[in-house]
Amino acid sequence: MIEKNILEFLKDIKKNNYKPWFDSNKKRYEDARSSFILSVEKMIAAIATFDNEISNLTAKECILRINRDVRFSKNKTPYKNNMAAYFNRAGKKGTGAGYYLHIEPGASFAAAGIWMPEGDGLSKIRQEIDYNFDEWKKIIGSSAFKKQFEKGLESSNTLVRPPKGYDENNPAINFLKLKSFIVSKTFSDADVMSKTFTSDLTKTFRQVKPMIDFINRSLD
C-alpha cells in the first residue's frame, strides 16, 4: 500500500529539514505525495465498507499538510518527518472521533478515537461512559478489540482527581479521568509496504468503529 518512494523521501527530509533542500527536491515530494494520495483513496474506500460516513470523503480532505506550524514551538524545522491522514466524518478538520494513519520510517502507526476534546465535548463523552458503562466495557473489552489494541486506551494524559461531579468510587472512574480517548497500533516499514497493508489496516479500524460510534453519539 505505501510505496517505497514515500519512506525514502521521509528518511531524507529528516536529515535535510530546511527549505532550500525541500525546494530542490520538490519533484520527489510531489511524487511521494501523489503515491500517498492513491493509498489514502484506497483506505477511504476500505473504511467505507463498514463506516458509510467516510464514503464521501476525498483524499485531500483527509491528508494533513507536511508543513509544520512552528509559531508556538521551540522546534523551528519547517517540515514534518511523516505523512498522515485523518479519516473523520467531517474530514481532517472534524472535531469528532475518527481514524488516523501516520507514516514515518521506523515509527508508523494507526490510531483512532478523539484527542483532547474541549470542555463541553469532554463532559458529554464522560457522561455517556458513566450512563452506559456496561456498553463501553463491552466495546473496549472484546477479544477482537484487545487483539488489535493490546495496550488499550492511551492513559498518559489523565486527571489526578475525579472530574467535577464524579466520585472516586464510580466504577468507570479510570475512564472518566481520561482527557483523550485514543487507541493505537504500530506498524513496521515492512508492514506498511506489504500488499496486505490496506486489508490489515481495515481490520484494525473495523474493530474500533463501535468506540468511534459511541463517542460520536455522545457528541451529537
N, C-alpha and C. Protein backbone atom coordinates (compact mmCIF):
# COMPACT_ATOMS: atom_id res chain seq x y z
N MET A 1 0.82 -1.21 0.00
CA MET A 1 0.00 0.00 0.00
C MET A 1 0.86 1.26 0.00
N ILE A 2 1.83 1.34 0.89
CA ILE A 2 2.70 2.52 0.98
C ILE A 2 3.93 2.28 0.11
N GLU A 3 4.08 3.13 -0.91
CA GLU A 3 5.18 2.94 -1.85
C GLU A 3 6.52 3.30 -1.20
N LYS A 4 7.57 2.67 -1.70
CA LYS A 4 8.91 2.86 -1.16
C LYS A 4 9.36 4.30 -1.28
N ASN A 5 8.93 5.00 -2.35
CA ASN A 5 9.39 6.38 -2.54
C ASN A 5 8.92 7.31 -1.42
N ILE A 6 7.80 6.95 -0.77
CA ILE A 6 7.31 7.76 0.35
C ILE A 6 8.28 7.67 1.52
N LEU A 7 8.64 6.45 1.90
CA LEU A 7 9.55 6.26 3.02
C LEU A 7 10.94 6.83 2.72
N GLU A 8 11.39 6.67 1.49
CA GLU A 8 12.72 7.20 1.13
C GLU A 8 12.74 8.72 1.24
N PHE A 9 11.68 9.37 0.77
CA PHE A 9 11.63 10.82 0.87
C PHE A 9 11.60 11.27 2.32
N LEU A 10 10.81 10.59 3.14
CA LEU A 10 10.68 10.96 4.55
C LEU A 10 12.00 10.75 5.31
N LYS A 11 12.73 9.70 4.95
CA LYS A 11 14.04 9.49 5.57
C LYS A 11 14.98 10.64 5.24
N ASP A 12 14.94 11.09 3.99
CA ASP A 12 15.85 12.15 3.55
C ASP A 12 15.47 13.51 4.13
N ILE A 13 14.17 13.78 4.22
CA ILE A 13 13.80 15.09 4.74
C ILE A 13 14.10 15.19 6.24
N LYS A 14 14.13 14.07 6.92
CA LYS A 14 14.51 14.09 8.34
C LYS A 14 15.96 14.54 8.49
N LYS A 15 16.80 14.19 7.54
CA LYS A 15 18.21 14.56 7.60
C LYS A 15 18.47 15.94 6.98
N ASN A 16 17.51 16.42 6.21
CA ASN A 16 17.70 17.68 5.47
C ASN A 16 16.48 18.58 5.63
N ASN A 17 16.12 18.85 6.88
CA ASN A 17 14.87 19.55 7.14
C ASN A 17 15.06 21.07 7.09
N TYR A 18 15.21 21.57 5.88
CA TYR A 18 15.32 23.02 5.68
C TYR A 18 14.81 23.34 4.28
N LYS A 19 14.34 24.55 4.08
CA LYS A 19 13.61 24.92 2.87
C LYS A 19 14.43 24.79 1.58
N PRO A 20 15.70 25.21 1.52
CA PRO A 20 16.44 25.06 0.27
C PRO A 20 16.49 23.61 -0.22
N TRP A 21 16.69 22.65 0.72
CA TRP A 21 16.71 21.24 0.30
C TRP A 21 15.34 20.83 -0.20
N PHE A 22 14.29 21.22 0.52
CA PHE A 22 12.94 20.85 0.11
C PHE A 22 12.63 21.41 -1.28
N ASP A 23 13.00 22.66 -1.52
CA ASP A 23 12.73 23.28 -2.81
C ASP A 23 13.44 22.56 -3.95
N SER A 24 14.67 22.13 -3.69
CA SER A 24 15.43 21.45 -4.74
C SER A 24 14.97 20.01 -4.94
N ASN A 25 14.18 19.50 -3.98
CA ASN A 25 13.65 18.13 -4.07
C ASN A 25 12.12 18.13 -4.17
N LYS A 26 11.58 19.24 -4.69
CA LYS A 26 10.12 19.40 -4.77
C LYS A 26 9.47 18.30 -5.61
N LYS A 27 10.13 17.89 -6.69
CA LYS A 27 9.58 16.83 -7.55
C LYS A 27 9.47 15.52 -6.78
N ARG A 28 10.47 15.21 -5.97
CA ARG A 28 10.42 13.98 -5.17
C ARG A 28 9.26 14.04 -4.19
N TYR A 29 9.08 15.21 -3.58
CA TYR A 29 7.96 15.36 -2.65
C TYR A 29 6.62 15.18 -3.36
N GLU A 30 6.49 15.80 -4.52
CA GLU A 30 5.23 15.70 -5.26
C GLU A 30 4.94 14.26 -5.68
N ASP A 31 5.98 13.53 -6.07
CA ASP A 31 5.80 12.11 -6.43
C ASP A 31 5.38 11.30 -5.21
N ALA A 32 6.05 11.56 -4.07
CA ALA A 32 5.72 10.83 -2.84
C ALA A 32 4.29 11.16 -2.39
N ARG A 33 3.93 12.42 -2.49
CA ARG A 33 2.58 12.83 -2.09
C ARG A 33 1.52 12.22 -3.00
N SER A 34 1.82 12.15 -4.30
CA SER A 34 0.88 11.52 -5.24
C SER A 34 0.68 10.06 -4.89
N SER A 35 1.76 9.38 -4.52
CA SER A 35 1.65 7.98 -4.10
C SER A 35 0.81 7.85 -2.84
N PHE A 36 1.01 8.79 -1.90
CA PHE A 36 0.25 8.76 -0.65
C PHE A 36 -1.23 9.03 -0.89
N ILE A 37 -1.53 9.93 -1.82
CA ILE A 37 -2.93 10.22 -2.17
C ILE A 37 -3.62 8.95 -2.66
N LEU A 38 -2.95 8.19 -3.51
CA LEU A 38 -3.53 6.95 -4.01
C LEU A 38 -3.79 5.97 -2.87
N SER A 39 -2.85 5.89 -1.93
CA SER A 39 -3.01 5.00 -0.78
C SER A 39 -4.19 5.43 0.08
N VAL A 40 -4.32 6.72 0.29
CA VAL A 40 -5.41 7.23 1.11
C VAL A 40 -6.76 7.02 0.42
N GLU A 41 -6.80 7.17 -0.89
CA GLU A 41 -8.04 6.91 -1.63
C GLU A 41 -8.49 5.45 -1.44
N LYS A 42 -7.53 4.54 -1.49
CA LYS A 42 -7.85 3.13 -1.27
C LYS A 42 -8.34 2.91 0.16
N MET A 43 -7.73 3.64 1.11
CA MET A 43 -8.11 3.48 2.51
C MET A 43 -9.52 4.02 2.75
N ILE A 44 -9.86 5.12 2.11
CA ILE A 44 -11.21 5.67 2.24
C ILE A 44 -12.23 4.64 1.76
N ALA A 45 -11.96 4.05 0.61
CA ALA A 45 -12.87 3.04 0.07
C ALA A 45 -12.99 1.84 0.99
N ALA A 46 -11.87 1.45 1.61
CA ALA A 46 -11.88 0.30 2.52
C ALA A 46 -12.65 0.60 3.79
N ILE A 47 -12.44 1.78 4.38
CA ILE A 47 -13.16 2.15 5.60
C ILE A 47 -14.65 2.28 5.31
N ALA A 48 -14.98 2.77 4.12
CA ALA A 48 -16.38 2.98 3.76
C ALA A 48 -17.18 1.67 3.70
N THR A 49 -16.48 0.54 3.61
CA THR A 49 -17.19 -0.75 3.58
C THR A 49 -17.84 -1.06 4.92
N PHE A 50 -17.38 -0.42 6.01
CA PHE A 50 -18.01 -0.63 7.30
C PHE A 50 -18.41 0.67 8.00
N ASP A 51 -18.00 1.81 7.45
CA ASP A 51 -18.37 3.11 8.02
C ASP A 51 -18.78 4.04 6.88
N ASN A 52 -20.06 4.06 6.61
CA ASN A 52 -20.58 4.80 5.46
C ASN A 52 -20.35 6.30 5.56
N GLU A 53 -20.16 6.82 6.78
CA GLU A 53 -19.96 8.26 6.94
C GLU A 53 -18.64 8.74 6.35
N ILE A 54 -17.74 7.80 6.04
CA ILE A 54 -16.44 8.14 5.47
C ILE A 54 -16.49 8.14 3.94
N SER A 55 -17.52 7.54 3.38
CA SER A 55 -17.55 7.23 1.95
C SER A 55 -17.45 8.44 1.03
N ASN A 56 -17.93 9.60 1.46
CA ASN A 56 -17.93 10.77 0.58
C ASN A 56 -16.67 11.62 0.68
N LEU A 57 -15.73 11.23 1.52
CA LEU A 57 -14.50 11.99 1.68
C LEU A 57 -13.58 11.83 0.47
N THR A 58 -12.78 12.84 0.22
CA THR A 58 -11.71 12.74 -0.77
C THR A 58 -10.38 12.67 -0.03
N ALA A 59 -9.35 12.21 -0.71
CA ALA A 59 -8.03 12.11 -0.08
C ALA A 59 -7.54 13.47 0.41
N LYS A 60 -7.77 14.51 -0.37
CA LYS A 60 -7.30 15.85 0.01
C LYS A 60 -8.01 16.37 1.25
N GLU A 61 -9.22 15.88 1.51
CA GLU A 61 -9.94 16.28 2.72
C GLU A 61 -9.39 15.58 3.95
N CYS A 62 -8.56 14.56 3.76
CA CYS A 62 -8.04 13.75 4.87
C CYS A 62 -6.55 13.95 5.14
N ILE A 63 -5.78 14.25 4.11
CA ILE A 63 -4.32 14.32 4.24
C ILE A 63 -3.89 15.60 4.94
N LEU A 64 -3.03 15.46 5.92
CA LEU A 64 -2.52 16.60 6.67
C LEU A 64 -1.31 17.22 5.95
N ARG A 65 -1.11 18.51 6.14
CA ARG A 65 -0.01 19.22 5.49
C ARG A 65 1.33 18.74 6.02
N ILE A 66 2.36 18.77 5.16
CA ILE A 66 3.70 18.40 5.60
C ILE A 66 4.38 19.57 6.29
N ASN A 67 3.91 20.77 6.07
CA ASN A 67 4.48 21.95 6.72
C ASN A 67 4.10 21.96 8.20
N ARG A 68 5.07 22.24 9.04
CA ARG A 68 4.82 22.32 10.47
C ARG A 68 4.36 23.72 10.87
N ASP A 69 3.54 23.80 11.90
CA ASP A 69 3.18 25.08 12.50
C ASP A 69 4.21 25.37 13.59
N VAL A 70 5.13 26.27 13.31
CA VAL A 70 6.25 26.50 14.23
C VAL A 70 6.03 27.72 15.12
N ARG A 71 4.85 28.34 15.05
CA ARG A 71 4.62 29.59 15.77
C ARG A 71 4.83 29.47 17.28
N PHE A 72 4.40 28.34 17.85
CA PHE A 72 4.48 28.19 19.31
C PHE A 72 5.39 27.03 19.71
N SER A 73 6.30 26.68 18.82
CA SER A 73 7.18 25.54 19.07
C SER A 73 8.65 25.97 19.12
N LYS A 74 9.40 25.34 20.02
CA LYS A 74 10.84 25.59 20.07
C LYS A 74 11.54 24.94 18.89
N ASN A 75 10.94 23.90 18.35
CA ASN A 75 11.48 23.23 17.18
C ASN A 75 11.05 24.00 15.93
N LYS A 76 11.98 24.65 15.28
CA LYS A 76 11.66 25.51 14.15
C LYS A 76 11.89 24.83 12.79
N THR A 77 12.13 23.52 12.77
CA THR A 77 12.25 22.85 11.48
C THR A 77 10.92 22.98 10.74
N PRO A 78 10.98 23.32 9.45
CA PRO A 78 9.75 23.69 8.74
C PRO A 78 8.85 22.54 8.30
N TYR A 79 9.39 21.31 8.29
CA TYR A 79 8.61 20.21 7.72
C TYR A 79 8.49 19.04 8.70
N LYS A 80 7.40 18.30 8.56
CA LYS A 80 7.21 17.08 9.34
C LYS A 80 8.03 15.96 8.73
N ASN A 81 8.35 14.96 9.55
CA ASN A 81 9.07 13.78 9.06
C ASN A 81 8.11 12.64 8.74
N ASN A 82 6.84 12.98 8.56
CA ASN A 82 5.83 11.96 8.32
C ASN A 82 4.81 12.45 7.31
N MET A 83 4.03 11.51 6.81
CA MET A 83 2.82 11.81 6.05
C MET A 83 1.67 11.18 6.81
N ALA A 84 0.58 11.90 6.92
CA ALA A 84 -0.51 11.42 7.76
C ALA A 84 -1.86 11.79 7.16
N ALA A 85 -2.87 11.02 7.56
CA ALA A 85 -4.24 11.29 7.13
C ALA A 85 -5.19 11.02 8.28
N TYR A 86 -6.21 11.85 8.37
CA TYR A 86 -7.23 11.68 9.40
C TYR A 86 -8.58 11.48 8.73
N PHE A 87 -9.19 10.34 9.01
CA PHE A 87 -10.46 9.97 8.40
C PHE A 87 -11.58 10.23 9.41
N ASN A 88 -12.22 11.36 9.26
CA ASN A 88 -13.30 11.78 10.14
C ASN A 88 -14.51 12.09 9.28
N ARG A 89 -15.70 11.90 9.80
CA ARG A 89 -16.91 12.13 9.01
C ARG A 89 -16.99 13.55 8.46
N ALA A 90 -16.28 14.50 9.09
CA ALA A 90 -16.24 15.88 8.61
C ALA A 90 -14.88 16.22 8.00
N GLY A 91 -14.06 15.21 7.67
CA GLY A 91 -12.74 15.46 7.11
C GLY A 91 -11.71 15.70 8.20
N LYS A 92 -10.50 16.10 7.79
CA LYS A 92 -9.39 16.24 8.73
C LYS A 92 -9.61 17.34 9.75
N LYS A 93 -10.53 18.27 9.46
CA LYS A 93 -10.82 19.35 10.40
C LYS A 93 -11.98 19.02 11.33
N GLY A 94 -12.51 17.82 11.22
CA GLY A 94 -13.63 17.40 12.05
C GLY A 94 -13.24 17.32 13.52
N THR A 95 -14.18 17.62 14.39
CA THR A 95 -13.90 17.65 15.82
C THR A 95 -14.31 16.37 16.54
N GLY A 96 -15.02 15.49 15.86
CA GLY A 96 -15.45 14.25 16.50
C GLY A 96 -14.37 13.18 16.44
N ALA A 97 -14.75 11.96 16.79
CA ALA A 97 -13.82 10.83 16.76
C ALA A 97 -13.62 10.34 15.33
N GLY A 98 -12.43 9.81 15.04
CA GLY A 98 -12.14 9.31 13.71
C GLY A 98 -10.95 8.37 13.72
N TYR A 99 -10.44 8.10 12.52
CA TYR A 99 -9.34 7.15 12.31
C TYR A 99 -8.12 7.92 11.78
N TYR A 100 -6.94 7.55 12.25
CA TYR A 100 -5.73 8.29 11.90
C TYR A 100 -4.65 7.33 11.41
N LEU A 101 -3.98 7.72 10.32
CA LEU A 101 -2.87 6.94 9.77
C LEU A 101 -1.64 7.81 9.72
N HIS A 102 -0.54 7.32 10.30
CA HIS A 102 0.72 8.06 10.41
C HIS A 102 1.82 7.22 9.79
N ILE A 103 2.42 7.72 8.72
CA ILE A 103 3.51 7.01 8.05
C ILE A 103 4.82 7.73 8.29
N GLU A 104 5.74 7.06 8.95
CA GLU A 104 7.06 7.61 9.27
C GLU A 104 8.04 6.45 9.35
N PRO A 105 9.17 6.54 8.65
CA PRO A 105 10.14 5.44 8.68
C PRO A 105 10.47 5.01 10.11
N GLY A 106 10.22 3.76 10.41
CA GLY A 106 10.53 3.21 11.73
C GLY A 106 9.55 3.61 12.82
N ALA A 107 8.52 4.37 12.48
CA ALA A 107 7.60 4.85 13.52
C ALA A 107 6.17 5.02 13.01
N SER A 108 5.75 4.16 12.10
CA SER A 108 4.40 4.25 11.57
C SER A 108 3.39 3.65 12.54
N PHE A 109 2.19 4.22 12.56
CA PHE A 109 1.15 3.68 13.43
C PHE A 109 -0.22 4.10 12.93
N ALA A 110 -1.22 3.38 13.41
CA ALA A 110 -2.62 3.73 13.19
C ALA A 110 -3.21 4.05 14.55
N ALA A 111 -4.11 5.01 14.59
CA ALA A 111 -4.77 5.38 15.84
C ALA A 111 -6.23 5.68 15.55
N ALA A 112 -7.03 5.71 16.60
CA ALA A 112 -8.44 6.02 16.43
C ALA A 112 -9.00 6.56 17.74
N GLY A 113 -10.05 7.37 17.61
CA GLY A 113 -10.67 7.95 18.79
C GLY A 113 -10.71 9.45 18.69
N ILE A 114 -10.58 10.12 19.82
CA ILE A 114 -10.61 11.58 19.85
C ILE A 114 -9.55 12.09 20.83
N TRP A 115 -8.78 13.07 20.38
CA TRP A 115 -7.67 13.59 21.18
C TRP A 115 -8.05 14.93 21.80
N MET A 116 -7.95 15.02 23.11
CA MET A 116 -8.14 16.25 23.87
C MET A 116 -9.38 17.04 23.45
N PRO A 117 -10.56 16.44 23.54
CA PRO A 117 -11.78 17.20 23.23
C PRO A 117 -11.93 18.36 24.20
N GLU A 118 -12.52 19.44 23.73
CA GLU A 118 -12.69 20.62 24.58
C GLU A 118 -13.79 20.40 25.61
N GLY A 119 -13.88 21.32 26.56
CA GLY A 119 -14.71 21.17 27.75
C GLY A 119 -16.06 20.53 27.59
N ASP A 120 -16.93 21.11 26.77
CA ASP A 120 -18.29 20.60 26.62
C ASP A 120 -18.29 19.20 26.01
N GLY A 121 -17.46 19.00 24.99
CA GLY A 121 -17.39 17.69 24.37
C GLY A 121 -16.87 16.63 25.31
N LEU A 122 -15.85 16.97 26.08
CA LEU A 122 -15.28 16.04 27.05
C LEU A 122 -16.32 15.67 28.10
N SER A 123 -17.09 16.63 28.55
CA SER A 123 -18.14 16.37 29.54
C SER A 123 -19.20 15.42 28.98
N LYS A 124 -19.54 15.60 27.72
CA LYS A 124 -20.55 14.73 27.09
C LYS A 124 -20.05 13.29 26.97
N ILE A 125 -18.78 13.13 26.61
CA ILE A 125 -18.21 11.78 26.49
C ILE A 125 -18.19 11.10 27.86
N ARG A 126 -17.75 11.83 28.87
CA ARG A 126 -17.71 11.26 30.23
C ARG A 126 -19.11 10.87 30.70
N GLN A 127 -20.09 11.71 30.41
CA GLN A 127 -21.45 11.39 30.81
C GLN A 127 -21.96 10.14 30.11
N GLU A 128 -21.63 10.00 28.82
CA GLU A 128 -22.07 8.83 28.07
C GLU A 128 -21.44 7.56 28.63
N ILE A 129 -20.16 7.64 28.99
CA ILE A 129 -19.49 6.48 29.59
C ILE A 129 -20.12 6.14 30.94
N ASP A 130 -20.39 7.17 31.74
CA ASP A 130 -21.00 6.96 33.05
C ASP A 130 -22.38 6.33 32.93
N TYR A 131 -23.19 6.85 32.01
CA TYR A 131 -24.56 6.35 31.85
C TYR A 131 -24.63 4.97 31.20
N ASN A 132 -23.66 4.68 30.34
CA ASN A 132 -23.69 3.42 29.56
C ASN A 132 -22.38 2.66 29.73
N PHE A 133 -21.97 2.51 30.98
CA PHE A 133 -20.67 1.91 31.26
C PHE A 133 -20.60 0.44 30.82
N ASP A 134 -21.68 -0.28 30.96
CA ASP A 134 -21.68 -1.69 30.54
C ASP A 134 -21.42 -1.80 29.04
N GLU A 135 -22.04 -0.93 28.28
CA GLU A 135 -21.82 -0.93 26.83
C GLU A 135 -20.37 -0.56 26.51
N TRP A 136 -19.84 0.46 27.20
CA TRP A 136 -18.45 0.89 27.00
C TRP A 136 -17.48 -0.25 27.30
N LYS A 137 -17.71 -0.93 28.42
CA LYS A 137 -16.83 -2.04 28.80
C LYS A 137 -16.87 -3.15 27.76
N LYS A 138 -18.05 -3.40 27.23
CA LYS A 138 -18.19 -4.46 26.22
C LYS A 138 -17.41 -4.11 24.96
N ILE A 139 -17.45 -2.84 24.59
CA ILE A 139 -16.75 -2.40 23.37
C ILE A 139 -15.24 -2.55 23.52
N ILE A 140 -14.68 -1.96 24.56
CA ILE A 140 -13.22 -1.96 24.70
C ILE A 140 -12.68 -3.24 25.34
N GLY A 141 -13.59 -4.08 25.81
CA GLY A 141 -13.17 -5.33 26.44
C GLY A 141 -13.31 -6.55 25.56
N SER A 142 -13.81 -6.35 24.34
CA SER A 142 -13.98 -7.50 23.44
C SER A 142 -12.64 -8.07 23.04
N SER A 143 -12.59 -9.35 22.78
CA SER A 143 -11.34 -10.02 22.42
C SER A 143 -10.79 -9.47 21.10
N ALA A 144 -11.69 -9.15 20.16
CA ALA A 144 -11.25 -8.62 18.86
C ALA A 144 -10.61 -7.24 19.04
N PHE A 145 -11.18 -6.42 19.90
CA PHE A 145 -10.64 -5.09 20.17
C PHE A 145 -9.27 -5.21 20.84
N LYS A 146 -9.17 -6.06 21.82
CA LYS A 146 -7.91 -6.24 22.54
C LYS A 146 -6.81 -6.81 21.64
N LYS A 147 -7.21 -7.63 20.69
CA LYS A 147 -6.23 -8.22 19.77
C LYS A 147 -5.57 -7.13 18.92
N GLN A 148 -6.36 -6.15 18.50
CA GLN A 148 -5.84 -5.07 17.68
C GLN A 148 -5.09 -4.02 18.50
N PHE A 149 -5.59 -3.77 19.72
CA PHE A 149 -5.02 -2.70 20.55
C PHE A 149 -4.63 -3.27 21.91
N GLU A 150 -3.50 -3.93 21.93
CA GLU A 150 -3.08 -4.67 23.12
C GLU A 150 -2.87 -3.77 24.34
N LYS A 151 -2.47 -2.53 24.12
CA LYS A 151 -2.20 -1.62 25.24
C LYS A 151 -3.47 -0.94 25.74
N GLY A 152 -4.57 -1.11 25.01
CA GLY A 152 -5.81 -0.47 25.42
C GLY A 152 -5.78 1.03 25.20
N LEU A 153 -6.63 1.74 25.91
CA LEU A 153 -6.73 3.19 25.75
C LEU A 153 -5.48 3.89 26.28
N GLU A 154 -5.02 4.90 25.55
CA GLU A 154 -3.90 5.73 25.99
C GLU A 154 -4.24 6.39 27.31
N SER A 155 -3.35 6.24 28.29
CA SER A 155 -3.67 6.74 29.64
C SER A 155 -2.61 7.68 30.19
N SER A 156 -1.76 8.24 29.32
CA SER A 156 -0.69 9.12 29.81
C SER A 156 -1.21 10.50 30.20
N ASN A 157 -2.35 10.88 29.64
CA ASN A 157 -2.91 12.21 29.92
C ASN A 157 -4.18 12.04 30.73
N THR A 158 -4.02 11.99 32.04
CA THR A 158 -5.13 11.63 32.93
C THR A 158 -5.21 12.58 34.12
N LEU A 159 -6.41 12.87 34.57
CA LEU A 159 -6.60 13.67 35.77
C LEU A 159 -6.11 12.91 37.00
N VAL A 160 -5.60 13.62 37.97
CA VAL A 160 -5.21 13.00 39.23
C VAL A 160 -6.44 12.74 40.09
N ARG A 161 -7.35 13.68 40.09
CA ARG A 161 -8.57 13.57 40.88
C ARG A 161 -9.77 13.37 39.96
N PRO A 162 -10.88 12.88 40.48
CA PRO A 162 -12.08 12.70 39.65
C PRO A 162 -12.55 14.03 39.07
N PRO A 163 -13.09 14.03 37.86
CA PRO A 163 -13.63 15.27 37.30
C PRO A 163 -14.84 15.73 38.12
N LYS A 164 -15.14 16.99 38.03
CA LYS A 164 -16.23 17.57 38.80
C LYS A 164 -17.53 16.82 38.55
N GLY A 165 -18.20 16.46 39.64
CA GLY A 165 -19.47 15.76 39.54
C GLY A 165 -19.38 14.25 39.63
N TYR A 166 -18.14 13.72 39.74
CA TYR A 166 -17.96 12.26 39.81
C TYR A 166 -17.19 11.89 41.07
N ASP A 167 -17.50 10.72 41.57
CA ASP A 167 -16.89 10.23 42.80
C ASP A 167 -15.78 9.24 42.48
N GLU A 168 -14.77 9.20 43.36
CA GLU A 168 -13.65 8.28 43.18
C GLU A 168 -14.09 6.83 43.12
N ASN A 169 -15.23 6.52 43.74
CA ASN A 169 -15.73 5.15 43.78
C ASN A 169 -16.59 4.78 42.57
N ASN A 170 -16.74 5.69 41.65
CA ASN A 170 -17.51 5.39 40.43
C ASN A 170 -16.83 4.24 39.69
N PRO A 171 -17.57 3.21 39.28
CA PRO A 171 -16.97 2.05 38.60
C PRO A 171 -16.19 2.44 37.33
N ALA A 172 -16.59 3.54 36.73
CA ALA A 172 -15.95 3.96 35.47
C ALA A 172 -14.88 5.01 35.68
N ILE A 173 -14.45 5.24 36.92
CA ILE A 173 -13.60 6.39 37.24
C ILE A 173 -12.30 6.43 36.45
N ASN A 174 -11.69 5.27 36.17
CA ASN A 174 -10.43 5.27 35.43
C ASN A 174 -10.60 5.82 34.02
N PHE A 175 -11.78 5.65 33.45
CA PHE A 175 -12.06 6.19 32.12
C PHE A 175 -12.54 7.64 32.21
N LEU A 176 -13.26 7.96 33.26
CA LEU A 176 -13.77 9.32 33.43
C LEU A 176 -12.64 10.32 33.68
N LYS A 177 -11.50 9.85 34.15
CA LYS A 177 -10.36 10.73 34.40
C LYS A 177 -9.57 11.03 33.12
N LEU A 178 -9.82 10.27 32.06
CA LEU A 178 -9.07 10.47 30.82
C LEU A 178 -9.40 11.81 30.19
N LYS A 179 -8.39 12.41 29.55
CA LYS A 179 -8.59 13.66 28.80
C LYS A 179 -8.69 13.40 27.30
N SER A 180 -8.22 12.23 26.88
CA SER A 180 -8.33 11.79 25.49
C SER A 180 -8.82 10.34 25.48
N PHE A 181 -9.40 9.94 24.37
CA PHE A 181 -9.89 8.57 24.23
C PHE A 181 -9.32 8.03 22.93
N ILE A 182 -8.10 7.49 23.05
CA ILE A 182 -7.31 7.10 21.89
C ILE A 182 -6.75 5.70 22.06
N VAL A 183 -6.79 4.92 20.98
CA VAL A 183 -6.07 3.65 20.92
C VAL A 183 -5.15 3.70 19.70
N SER A 184 -4.06 2.93 19.75
CA SER A 184 -3.13 2.95 18.62
C SER A 184 -2.47 1.59 18.44
N LYS A 185 -1.92 1.40 17.24
CA LYS A 185 -1.22 0.16 16.90
C LYS A 185 -0.06 0.52 15.98
N THR A 186 1.13 0.00 16.27
CA THR A 186 2.31 0.30 15.46
C THR A 186 2.45 -0.65 14.28
N PHE A 187 3.12 -0.17 13.24
CA PHE A 187 3.39 -0.97 12.05
C PHE A 187 4.83 -0.74 11.62
N SER A 188 5.51 -1.79 11.24
CA SER A 188 6.90 -1.68 10.77
C SER A 188 6.91 -1.18 9.33
N ASP A 189 8.11 -0.82 8.85
CA ASP A 189 8.23 -0.40 7.45
C ASP A 189 7.81 -1.53 6.52
N ALA A 190 8.17 -2.75 6.87
CA ALA A 190 7.77 -3.90 6.05
C ALA A 190 6.25 -4.06 6.04
N ASP A 191 5.63 -3.82 7.19
CA ASP A 191 4.17 -3.91 7.27
C ASP A 191 3.49 -2.93 6.32
N VAL A 192 3.94 -1.67 6.36
CA VAL A 192 3.22 -0.65 5.58
C VAL A 192 3.47 -0.80 4.07
N MET A 193 4.57 -1.45 3.69
CA MET A 193 4.83 -1.66 2.28
C MET A 193 4.28 -3.00 1.77
N SER A 194 3.71 -3.77 2.69
CA SER A 194 3.15 -5.07 2.33
C SER A 194 1.91 -4.90 1.46
N LYS A 195 1.68 -5.85 0.57
CA LYS A 195 0.49 -5.84 -0.28
C LYS A 195 -0.79 -6.01 0.54
N THR A 196 -0.65 -6.51 1.75
CA THR A 196 -1.83 -6.73 2.59
C THR A 196 -2.11 -5.58 3.54
N PHE A 197 -1.33 -4.48 3.43
CA PHE A 197 -1.47 -3.41 4.43
C PHE A 197 -2.87 -2.80 4.46
N THR A 198 -3.46 -2.56 3.30
CA THR A 198 -4.81 -1.99 3.28
C THR A 198 -5.79 -2.88 4.03
N SER A 199 -5.73 -4.19 3.77
CA SER A 199 -6.66 -5.10 4.45
C SER A 199 -6.32 -5.22 5.94
N ASP A 200 -5.02 -5.19 6.28
CA ASP A 200 -4.62 -5.25 7.69
C ASP A 200 -5.11 -4.02 8.44
N LEU A 201 -4.95 -2.86 7.81
CA LEU A 201 -5.38 -1.61 8.44
C LEU A 201 -6.90 -1.57 8.55
N THR A 202 -7.57 -2.10 7.55
CA THR A 202 -9.03 -2.15 7.58
C THR A 202 -9.52 -2.99 8.76
N LYS A 203 -8.87 -4.11 9.01
CA LYS A 203 -9.24 -4.95 10.15
C LYS A 203 -9.06 -4.20 11.46
N THR A 204 -7.97 -3.45 11.54
CA THR A 204 -7.70 -2.67 12.75
C THR A 204 -8.79 -1.62 12.97
N PHE A 205 -9.08 -0.85 11.94
CA PHE A 205 -10.07 0.21 12.07
C PHE A 205 -11.49 -0.34 12.27
N ARG A 206 -11.77 -1.48 11.65
CA ARG A 206 -13.11 -2.06 11.79
C ARG A 206 -13.42 -2.37 13.26
N GLN A 207 -12.42 -2.84 13.99
CA GLN A 207 -12.65 -3.23 15.38
C GLN A 207 -12.85 -2.04 16.30
N VAL A 208 -12.44 -0.85 15.86
CA VAL A 208 -12.59 0.32 16.71
C VAL A 208 -13.83 1.14 16.36
N LYS A 209 -14.53 0.76 15.31
CA LYS A 209 -15.71 1.53 14.91
C LYS A 209 -16.76 1.64 16.02
N PRO A 210 -17.05 0.58 16.79
CA PRO A 210 -18.03 0.74 17.88
C PRO A 210 -17.63 1.83 18.87
N MET A 211 -16.34 1.97 19.14
CA MET A 211 -15.89 3.03 20.03
C MET A 211 -16.07 4.40 19.38
N ILE A 212 -15.76 4.49 18.08
CA ILE A 212 -15.97 5.73 17.33
C ILE A 212 -17.45 6.13 17.39
N ASP A 213 -18.33 5.16 17.15
CA ASP A 213 -19.77 5.44 17.16
C ASP A 213 -20.23 5.88 18.55
N PHE A 214 -19.71 5.23 19.58
CA PHE A 214 -20.08 5.56 20.96
C PHE A 214 -19.72 7.01 21.27
N ILE A 215 -18.49 7.40 20.92
CA ILE A 215 -18.03 8.75 21.20
C ILE A 215 -18.83 9.78 20.40
N ASN A 216 -19.00 9.52 19.11
CA ASN A 216 -19.70 10.49 18.26
C ASN A 216 -21.17 10.62 18.64
N ARG A 217 -21.75 9.52 19.08
CA ARG A 217 -23.14 9.58 19.58
C ARG A 217 -23.25 10.52 20.76
N SER A 218 -22.27 10.49 21.62
CA SER A 218 -22.30 11.35 22.81
C SER A 218 -22.16 12.82 22.44
N LEU A 219 -21.52 13.10 21.31
CA LEU A 219 -21.28 14.48 20.89
C LEU A 219 -22.42 15.06 20.05
N ASP A 220 -23.25 14.19 19.48
CA ASP A 220 -24.34 14.65 18.60
C ASP A 220 -25.46 15.33 19.41
